[in-house]
Amino acid sequence: MPMDFPDLKSLESAAKVWKFREIKKDETEDEFRNALADFVSKKDFIESQEIRNKVGWNKWSLEQNKDMLIRSGFKI
């Protein structure tokens, strides 16, 4: 099931589910988003991309799909 992660609140919820750390005092939302996505990618690559892209896989743009393929190691 696709999931959206549009804001910091949704990221903090996902971080708790994944037993990831809390956002650091001087960390931006984008920095936290990328750190969480990197952490999750080892266990659930698609969800990590949903975190990174802010939207579920069913809403990804062509560029987001290309990024997913590059990150997964596919040559496009």
C-alpha atoms as a PDB file:
ATOM      1  CA  MET A   1       0.000   0.000   0.000  1.00  0.00           C
ATOM      2  CA  PRO A   2       1.512   3.348  -0.997  1.00  0.00           C
ATOM      3  CA  MET A   3       2.152   5.873   1.776  1.00  0.00           C
ATOM      4  CA  ASP A   4       2.641   9.642   1.743  1.00  0.00           C
ATOM      5  CA  PHE A   5       5.107  11.446   4.008  1.00  0.00           C
ATOM      6  CA  PRO A   6       4.234  15.100   3.350  1.00  0.00           C
ATOM      7  CA  ASP A   7       5.435  16.765   6.546  1.00  0.00           C
ATOM      8  CA  LEU A   8       7.639  16.544   9.613  1.00  0.00           C
ATOM      9  CA  LYS A   9       4.874  14.974  11.703  1.00  0.00           C
ATOM     10  CA  SER A  10       4.611  12.039   9.284  1.00  0.00           C
ATOM     11  CA  LEU A  11       8.406  11.670   9.269  1.00  0.00           C
ATOM     12  CA  GLU A  12       8.551  11.605  13.052  1.00  0.00           C
ATOM     13  CA  SER A  13       5.862   8.902  13.104  1.00  0.00           C
ATOM     14  CA  ALA A  14       7.763   6.826  10.559  1.00  0.00           C
ATOM     15  CA  ALA A  15      10.980   7.285  12.548  1.00  0.00           C
ATOM     16  CA  LYS A  16       9.279   5.826  15.625  1.00  0.00           C
ATOM     17  CA  VAL A  17       7.937   2.850  13.655  1.00  0.00           C
ATOM     18  CA  TRP A  18      11.398   2.164  12.221  1.00  0.00           C
ATOM     19  CA  LYS A  19      13.106   2.782  15.606  1.00  0.00           C
ATOM     20  CA  PHE A  20      15.124   5.606  14.108  1.00  0.00           C
ATOM     21  CA  ARG A  21      16.399   8.572  16.074  1.00  0.00           C
ATOM     22  CA  GLU A  22      14.538  11.832  16.734  1.00  0.00           C
ATOM     23  CA  ILE A  23      15.199  14.926  14.657  1.00  0.00           C
ATOM     24  CA  LYS A  24      18.275  16.806  15.824  1.00  0.00           C
ATOM     25  CA  LYS A  25      17.932  20.330  17.187  1.00  0.00           C
ATOM     26  CA  ASP A  26      19.820  21.953  14.280  1.00  0.00           C
ATOM     27  CA  GLU A  27      18.635  19.555  11.545  1.00  0.00           C
ATOM     28  CA  THR A  28      16.309  20.654   8.737  1.00  0.00           C
ATOM     29  CA  GLU A  29      13.301  18.630   7.675  1.00  0.00           C
ATOM     30  CA  ASP A  30      15.021  17.742   4.392  1.00  0.00           C
ATOM     31  CA  GLU A  31      18.159  16.554   6.199  1.00  0.00           C
ATOM     32  CA  PHE A  32      16.067  14.429   8.554  1.00  0.00           C
ATOM     33  CA  ARG A  33      13.993  13.112   5.615  1.00  0.00           C
ATOM     34  CA  ASN A  34      17.109  11.989   3.753  1.00  0.00           C
ATOM     35  CA  ALA A  35      18.712  10.439   6.842  1.00  0.00           C
ATOM     36  CA  LEU A  36      15.512   8.510   7.586  1.00  0.00           C
ATOM     37  CA  ALA A  37      15.168   7.423   3.952  1.00  0.00           C
ATOM     38  CA  ASP A  38      18.775   6.188   3.922  1.00  0.00           C
ATOM     39  CA  PHE A  39      18.143   4.235   7.139  1.00  0.00           C
ATOM     40  CA  VAL A  40      14.897   2.674   5.865  1.00  0.00           C
ATOM     41  CA  SER A  41      16.361   1.793   2.447  1.00  0.00           C
ATOM     42  CA  LYS A  42      18.271  -1.119   3.942  1.00  0.00           C
ATOM     43  CA  LYS A  43      14.998  -2.783   4.972  1.00  0.00           C
ATOM     44  CA  ASP A  44      12.321  -1.393   2.623  1.00  0.00           C
ATOM     45  CA  PHE A  45      13.642   0.342  -0.473  1.00  0.00           C
ATOM     46  CA  ILE A  46      10.231   1.419  -1.815  1.00  0.00           C
ATOM     47  CA  GLU A  47       9.149   2.993   1.477  1.00  0.00           C
ATOM     48  CA  SER A  48      12.484   4.791   1.663  1.00  0.00           C
ATOM     49  CA  GLN A  49      11.763   6.340  -1.719  1.00  0.00           C
ATOM     50  CA  GLU A  50       8.257   7.293  -0.582  1.00  0.00           C
ATOM     51  CA  ILE A  51       9.854   9.068   2.387  1.00  0.00           C
ATOM     52  CA  ARG A  52      12.368  10.776   0.110  1.00  0.00           C
ATOM     53  CA  ASN A  53       9.703  11.792  -2.454  1.00  0.00           C
ATOM     54  CA  LYS A  54       7.030  12.763   0.114  1.00  0.00           C
ATOM     55  CA  VAL A  55       4.394  10.731  -1.771  1.00  0.00           C
ATOM     56  CA  GLY A  56       3.494   7.083  -2.327  1.00  0.00           C
ATOM     57  CA  TRP A  57       4.916   5.159  -5.280  1.00  0.00           C
ATOM     58  CA  ASN A  58       1.623   5.468  -7.152  1.00  0.00           C
ATOM     59  CA  LYS A  59       2.114   9.269  -7.346  1.00  0.00           C
ATOM     60  CA  TRP A  60       5.770   9.389  -8.400  1.00  0.00           C
ATOM     61  CA  SER A  61       6.709  11.570 -11.341  1.00  0.00           C
ATOM     62  CA  LEU A  62       8.870  10.333 -14.189  1.00  0.00           C
ATOM     63  CA  GLU A  63      11.886  11.995 -12.557  1.00  0.00           C
ATOM     64  CA  GLN A  64      11.150  10.304  -9.223  1.00  0.00           C
ATOM     65  CA  ASN A  65      10.875   6.934 -10.984  1.00  0.00           C
ATOM     66  CA  LYS A  66      14.223   7.556 -12.702  1.00  0.00           C
ATOM     67  CA  ASP A  67      15.807   8.480  -9.363  1.00  0.00           C
ATOM     68  CA  MET A  68      14.457   5.251  -7.842  1.00  0.00           C
ATOM     69  CA  LEU A  69      15.998   3.212 -10.644  1.00  0.00           C
ATOM     70  CA  ILE A  70      19.356   4.961 -10.294  1.00  0.00           C
ATOM     71  CA  ARG A  71      19.394   4.468  -6.524  1.00  0.00           C
ATOM     72  CA  SER A  72      18.498   0.796  -6.948  1.00  0.00           C
ATOM     73  CA  GLY A  73      21.466   0.266  -9.246  1.00  0.00           C
ATOM     74  CA  PHE A  74      19.646  -0.034 -12.559  1.00  0.00           C
ATOM     75  CA  LYS A  75      21.190   1.681 -15.542  1.00  0.00           C
ATOM     76  CA  ILE A  76      18.756   3.846 -17.475  1.00  0.00           C
END
